[in-house]
Amino acid sequence: MPDDQLLTVKEVMARLRLGRSTVYDLIRSHRLASITIGRSRRISVTAVREFVANQIAEAA
């Protein structure tokens, strides 16, 4: 999947197997970078990968 692709919150929920409120909490706390286009929230594939990498690093 290209790194520049933008995902919806629902797609991020499915990829990370997290609930909607958890994804929005991660966005609000700036742990998961996102952008707003109109009224839609989008998260890049790169941001999701960075979030996962940070979580793995913190767990180690």
C-alpha atoms as a PDB file:
ATOM      1  CA  MET A   1       0.000   0.000   0.000  1.00  0.00           C
ATOM      2  CA  PRO A   2       1.471   3.417  -0.918  1.00  0.00           C
ATOM      3  CA  ASP A   3       2.679   5.526   2.007  1.00  0.00           C
ATOM      4  CA  ASP A   4       0.874   8.613   0.722  1.00  0.00           C
ATOM      5  CA  GLN A   5      -2.552   6.977   0.820  1.00  0.00           C
ATOM      6  CA  LEU A   6      -5.047   8.499   3.246  1.00  0.00           C
ATOM      7  CA  LEU A   7      -7.260   6.264   5.366  1.00  0.00           C
ATOM      8  CA  THR A   8     -10.578   6.979   7.018  1.00  0.00           C
ATOM      9  CA  VAL A   9     -11.033   6.551  10.753  1.00  0.00           C
ATOM     10  CA  LYS A  10     -13.044   3.423  10.012  1.00  0.00           C
ATOM     11  CA  GLU A  11     -10.172   1.943   7.968  1.00  0.00           C
ATOM     12  CA  VAL A  12      -7.700   2.721  10.768  1.00  0.00           C
ATOM     13  CA  MET A  13     -10.080   1.082  13.240  1.00  0.00           C
ATOM     14  CA  ALA A  14     -10.057  -2.084  11.136  1.00  0.00           C
ATOM     15  CA  ARG A  15      -6.277  -2.102  10.640  1.00  0.00           C
ATOM     16  CA  LEU A  16      -5.458  -1.572  14.309  1.00  0.00           C
ATOM     17  CA  ARG A  17      -8.500  -3.463  15.609  1.00  0.00           C
ATOM     18  CA  LEU A  18      -9.443  -0.546  17.844  1.00  0.00           C
ATOM     19  CA  GLY A  19     -12.726   1.143  18.579  1.00  0.00           C
ATOM     20  CA  ARG A  20     -13.806   4.485  17.158  1.00  0.00           C
ATOM     21  CA  SER A  21     -13.396   6.390  20.417  1.00  0.00           C
ATOM     22  CA  THR A  22      -9.898   4.968  20.930  1.00  0.00           C
ATOM     23  CA  VAL A  23      -8.785   6.128  17.480  1.00  0.00           C
ATOM     24  CA  TYR A  24     -10.200   9.601  18.122  1.00  0.00           C
ATOM     25  CA  ASP A  25      -8.497   9.665  21.549  1.00  0.00           C
ATOM     26  CA  LEU A  26      -5.166   8.854  19.861  1.00  0.00           C
ATOM     27  CA  ILE A  27      -5.764  11.680  17.381  1.00  0.00           C
ATOM     28  CA  ARG A  28      -6.731  14.147  20.145  1.00  0.00           C
ATOM     29  CA  SER A  29      -3.626  13.268  22.168  1.00  0.00           C
ATOM     30  CA  HIS A  30      -1.437  13.731  19.047  1.00  0.00           C
ATOM     31  CA  ARG A  31      -0.189  10.151  19.226  1.00  0.00           C
ATOM     32  CA  LEU A  32      -1.708   9.481  15.795  1.00  0.00           C
ATOM     33  CA  ALA A  33      -1.242  12.241  13.224  1.00  0.00           C
ATOM     34  CA  SER A  34      -4.234  13.165  11.078  1.00  0.00           C
ATOM     35  CA  ILE A  35      -5.579  15.873   8.816  1.00  0.00           C
ATOM     36  CA  THR A  36      -9.029  17.285   8.273  1.00  0.00           C
ATOM     37  CA  ILE A  37     -10.385  17.691   4.762  1.00  0.00           C
ATOM     38  CA  GLY A  38     -13.688  19.504   4.921  1.00  0.00           C
ATOM     39  CA  ARG A  39     -15.525  17.653   7.678  1.00  0.00           C
ATOM     40  CA  SER A  40     -13.641  14.390   7.140  1.00  0.00           C
ATOM     41  CA  ARG A  41     -10.705  13.165   9.206  1.00  0.00           C
ATOM     42  CA  ARG A  42      -7.955  11.306   7.328  1.00  0.00           C
ATOM     43  CA  ILE A  43      -4.877   9.453   8.576  1.00  0.00           C
ATOM     44  CA  SER A  44      -1.922   8.626   6.336  1.00  0.00           C
ATOM     45  CA  VAL A  45      -0.564   5.109   6.067  1.00  0.00           C
ATOM     46  CA  THR A  46       2.773   6.541   7.213  1.00  0.00           C
ATOM     47  CA  ALA A  47       1.186   7.920  10.400  1.00  0.00           C
ATOM     48  CA  VAL A  48      -0.315   4.510  11.194  1.00  0.00           C
ATOM     49  CA  ARG A  49       3.052   2.805  10.625  1.00  0.00           C
ATOM     50  CA  GLU A  50       4.833   5.379  12.819  1.00  0.00           C
ATOM     51  CA  PHE A  51       2.252   4.912  15.565  1.00  0.00           C
ATOM     52  CA  VAL A  52       2.747   1.134  15.516  1.00  0.00           C
ATOM     53  CA  ALA A  53       6.539   1.504  15.494  1.00  0.00           C
ATOM     54  CA  ASN A  54       6.361   3.871  18.487  1.00  0.00           C
ATOM     55  CA  GLN A  55       4.139   1.437  20.372  1.00  0.00           C
ATOM     56  CA  ILE A  56       6.595  -1.399  19.712  1.00  0.00           C
ATOM     57  CA  ALA A  57       9.536   0.772  20.825  1.00  0.00           C
ATOM     58  CA  GLU A  58       7.740   1.766  24.036  1.00  0.00           C
ATOM     59  CA  ALA A  59       6.953  -1.874  24.813  1.00  0.00           C
ATOM     60  CA  ALA A  60      10.577  -2.962  24.400  1.00  0.00           C
END
